[in-house]
Amino acid sequence: MPEWDGRLTPAESTRLQRWFKDHWRNQPCAIDGVRNWVTADHVVQTPIYKGDSFEQITQGDLTYVYIAFICANCGHTLFVNATAIGIIEKGTNG
């Protein structure tokens, strides 16, 4: 599980780099075609949409957790589900 501030631990960073090497296959950026990607140092999350309500997220609300892959040239960002790739264990609160 990431550090208290969401930063990936060294072990998680190693797993992430291994996943990236095994799965990314040197994909180009969809915006500028450059093949230079970096990963964010933190796990990021998005809240669950609650219909027309844009209520503030409260403790205990469901979220999805992601790893951000960022084009080092233009900043275009792709999110990959952190649970699906083994960075966050299913059912844990990150």
Protein backbone atom coordinates (compact mmCIF):
# COMPACT_ATOMS: atom_id res chain seq x y z
CA MET A 1 0.00 0.00 0.00
CA PRO A 2 1.35 3.48 -0.81
CA GLU A 3 2.74 5.79 1.85
CA TRP A 4 0.34 7.90 3.97
CA ASP A 5 0.55 10.73 1.41
CA GLY A 6 -0.16 8.48 -1.59
CA ARG A 7 3.47 8.29 -2.69
CA LEU A 8 4.50 4.92 -4.07
CA THR A 9 6.85 2.90 -1.89
CA PRO A 10 10.16 1.75 -3.42
CA ALA A 11 8.74 -1.79 -3.80
CA GLU A 12 5.63 -0.46 -5.56
CA SER A 13 7.75 1.69 -7.85
CA THR A 14 9.75 -1.40 -8.78
CA ARG A 15 6.55 -3.38 -9.50
CA LEU A 16 5.21 -0.47 -11.54
CA GLN A 17 8.38 -0.22 -13.62
CA ARG A 18 8.26 -3.98 -14.23
CA TRP A 19 4.59 -3.75 -15.31
CA PHE A 20 5.44 -0.81 -17.58
CA LYS A 21 8.32 -2.72 -19.20
CA ASP A 22 6.21 -5.87 -19.70
CA HIS A 23 3.01 -4.22 -20.96
CA TRP A 24 3.60 -0.76 -22.42
CA ARG A 25 5.42 -1.91 -25.55
CA ASN A 26 6.89 1.54 -26.27
CA GLN A 27 3.51 3.10 -27.14
CA PRO A 28 3.56 6.57 -28.68
CA CYS A 29 1.65 9.45 -27.17
CA ALA A 30 -1.74 9.91 -28.87
CA ILE A 31 -1.23 13.69 -28.93
CA ASP A 32 2.30 14.20 -30.24
CA GLY A 33 3.59 10.73 -31.16
CA VAL A 34 6.58 10.93 -28.80
CA ARG A 35 7.54 7.72 -26.98
CA ASN A 36 8.87 9.23 -23.76
CA TRP A 37 6.68 8.41 -20.74
CA VAL A 38 7.15 9.02 -17.03
CA THR A 39 5.02 7.87 -14.11
CA ALA A 40 3.67 10.05 -11.33
CA ASP A 41 5.18 9.48 -7.90
CA HIS A 42 1.73 9.20 -6.28
CA VAL A 43 -1.38 7.08 -6.68
CA VAL A 44 -4.27 9.28 -7.86
CA GLN A 45 -7.97 8.69 -7.37
CA THR A 46 -11.29 9.70 -8.87
CA PRO A 47 -14.58 9.77 -6.99
CA ILE A 48 -17.67 7.81 -7.95
CA TYR A 49 -20.20 9.95 -9.82
CA LYS A 50 -23.32 10.49 -7.70
CA GLY A 51 -25.81 11.57 -10.35
CA ASP A 52 -26.45 15.30 -10.62
CA SER A 53 -24.89 15.92 -7.22
CA PHE A 54 -21.38 17.28 -7.06
CA GLU A 55 -21.11 16.83 -3.33
CA GLN A 56 -17.73 17.05 -1.69
CA ILE A 57 -16.01 13.70 -1.30
CA THR A 58 -16.25 12.51 2.28
CA GLN A 59 -14.24 9.89 4.13
CA GLY A 60 -15.47 6.44 3.23
CA ASP A 61 -16.72 7.38 -0.24
CA LEU A 62 -15.81 4.96 -3.01
CA THR A 63 -13.11 5.98 -5.44
CA TYR A 64 -11.08 4.37 -8.20
CA VAL A 65 -7.30 4.46 -7.83
CA TYR A 66 -4.94 4.97 -10.74
CA ILE A 67 -1.34 5.30 -11.77
CA ALA A 68 -0.71 8.29 -14.02
CA PHE A 69 1.49 7.79 -17.08
CA ILE A 70 2.57 11.18 -18.41
CA CYS A 71 4.05 12.05 -21.79
CA ALA A 72 7.33 13.78 -20.88
CA ASN A 73 7.04 15.95 -23.99
CA CYS A 74 3.49 17.35 -23.96
CA GLY A 75 2.02 16.29 -20.61
CA HIS A 76 -0.78 14.14 -22.04
CA THR A 77 -1.75 11.82 -19.19
CA LEU A 78 -3.17 8.29 -19.22
CA PHE A 79 -4.57 6.59 -16.14
CA VAL A 80 -4.19 2.84 -15.52
CA ASN A 81 -6.19 1.21 -12.74
CA ALA A 82 -3.78 0.63 -9.83
CA THR A 83 -5.70 -2.40 -8.57
CA ALA A 84 -5.75 -4.11 -11.97
CA ILE A 85 -1.97 -3.87 -12.27
CA GLY A 86 -1.26 -4.96 -8.67
CA ILE A 87 -0.14 -1.73 -7.04
CA ILE A 88 -3.18 -1.49 -4.74
CA GLU A 89 -4.73 -4.64 -3.32
CA LYS A 90 -8.41 -5.09 -4.11
CA GLY A 91 -10.61 -4.01 -1.21
CA THR A 92 -8.04 -1.78 0.52
CA ASN A 93 -8.51 1.90 1.17
CA GLY A 94 -5.71 3.85 -0.44
